[in-house]
Amino acid sequence: MGIRKKSRNIGEMAEGKAKETTGKALGNESLEKKGKMEKAKGKVKQAVEKGKDTLRH
């Protein structure tokens, strides 16, 4: 997996976690849900990239 994609995916997970935490702290369910979805999206992308790497080697 390319370092750019890996860091982008990790950044997306971190951003999602930040939104989720902020949403919980403020009682904003919408922001919390958006954060959870973003975090999950980053994890899925990361898993896909790892799968691609496995198939290449």
C-alpha atoms as a PDB file:
ATOM      1  CA  MET A   1       0.000   0.000   0.000  1.00  0.00           C
ATOM      2  CA  GLY A   2       1.257   3.408  -0.893  1.00  0.00           C
ATOM      3  CA  ILE A   3       2.215   5.672   1.968  1.00  0.00           C
ATOM      4  CA  ARG A   4      -0.105   8.390   0.663  1.00  0.00           C
ATOM      5  CA  LYS A   5      -3.165   6.165   0.715  1.00  0.00           C
ATOM      6  CA  LYS A   6      -2.237   4.738   4.096  1.00  0.00           C
ATOM      7  CA  SER A   7      -1.791   8.161   5.674  1.00  0.00           C
ATOM      8  CA  ARG A   8      -4.986   9.432   4.023  1.00  0.00           C
ATOM      9  CA  ASN A   9      -6.953   6.485   5.439  1.00  0.00           C
ATOM     10  CA  ILE A  10      -5.448   6.928   8.888  1.00  0.00           C
ATOM     11  CA  GLY A  11      -6.221  10.651   8.707  1.00  0.00           C
ATOM     12  CA  GLU A  12      -9.804   9.889   7.790  1.00  0.00           C
ATOM     13  CA  MET A  13     -10.121   7.536  10.765  1.00  0.00           C
ATOM     14  CA  ALA A  14      -8.623  10.154  13.089  1.00  0.00           C
ATOM     15  CA  GLU A  15     -10.920  12.869  11.765  1.00  0.00           C
ATOM     16  CA  GLY A  16     -13.907  10.567  12.237  1.00  0.00           C
ATOM     17  CA  LYS A  17     -12.850   9.816  15.808  1.00  0.00           C
ATOM     18  CA  ALA A  18     -12.506  13.530  16.525  1.00  0.00           C
ATOM     19  CA  LYS A  19     -15.984  14.254  15.163  1.00  0.00           C
ATOM     20  CA  GLU A  20     -17.439  11.348  17.114  1.00  0.00           C
ATOM     21  CA  THR A  21     -15.842  12.516  20.366  1.00  0.00           C
ATOM     22  CA  THR A  22     -16.922  16.121  19.788  1.00  0.00           C
ATOM     23  CA  GLY A  23     -20.452  14.984  19.009  1.00  0.00           C
ATOM     24  CA  LYS A  24     -20.608  12.979  22.235  1.00  0.00           C
ATOM     25  CA  ALA A  25     -19.231  15.877  24.276  1.00  0.00           C
ATOM     26  CA  LEU A  26     -21.711  18.358  22.819  1.00  0.00           C
ATOM     27  CA  GLY A  27     -24.649  15.973  22.747  1.00  0.00           C
ATOM     28  CA  ASN A  28     -24.834  16.357  18.971  1.00  0.00           C
ATOM     29  CA  GLU A  29     -26.045  12.989  17.663  1.00  0.00           C
ATOM     30  CA  SER A  30     -25.708  14.018  14.023  1.00  0.00           C
ATOM     31  CA  LEU A  31     -22.026  14.914  14.392  1.00  0.00           C
ATOM     32  CA  GLU A  32     -21.411  11.741  16.382  1.00  0.00           C
ATOM     33  CA  LYS A  33     -22.981   9.590  13.639  1.00  0.00           C
ATOM     34  CA  LYS A  34     -21.017  11.377  10.914  1.00  0.00           C
ATOM     35  CA  GLY A  35     -17.841  10.716  12.865  1.00  0.00           C
ATOM     36  CA  LYS A  36     -18.630   7.029  13.248  1.00  0.00           C
ATOM     37  CA  MET A  37     -19.348   6.716   9.533  1.00  0.00           C
ATOM     38  CA  GLU A  38     -16.136   8.507   8.584  1.00  0.00           C
ATOM     39  CA  LYS A  39     -14.112   6.331  10.911  1.00  0.00           C
ATOM     40  CA  ALA A  40     -15.707   3.180   9.493  1.00  0.00           C
ATOM     41  CA  LYS A  41     -15.091   4.385   5.935  1.00  0.00           C
ATOM     42  CA  GLY A  42     -11.396   4.865   6.720  1.00  0.00           C
ATOM     43  CA  LYS A  43     -11.175   1.379   8.214  1.00  0.00           C
ATOM     44  CA  VAL A  44     -12.820  -0.189   5.171  1.00  0.00           C
ATOM     45  CA  LYS A  45     -10.477   1.626   2.802  1.00  0.00           C
ATOM     46  CA  GLN A  46      -7.518   0.497   4.897  1.00  0.00           C
ATOM     47  CA  ALA A  47      -8.705  -3.127   4.745  1.00  0.00           C
ATOM     48  CA  VAL A  48      -9.164  -2.944   0.965  1.00  0.00           C
ATOM     49  CA  GLU A  49      -5.643  -1.602   0.523  1.00  0.00           C
ATOM     50  CA  LYS A  50      -4.234  -4.379   2.721  1.00  0.00           C
ATOM     51  CA  GLY A  51      -6.130  -6.923   0.619  1.00  0.00           C
ATOM     52  CA  LYS A  52      -4.646  -5.468  -2.551  1.00  0.00           C
ATOM     53  CA  ASP A  53      -1.159  -5.715  -1.042  1.00  0.00           C
ATOM     54  CA  THR A  54      -1.755  -9.347  -0.128  1.00  0.00           C
ATOM     55  CA  LEU A  55      -2.781 -10.200  -3.670  1.00  0.00           C
ATOM     56  CA  ARG A  56       0.247  -8.441  -5.162  1.00  0.00           C
ATOM     57  CA  HIS A  57       2.733 -10.424  -3.087  1.00  0.00           C
END
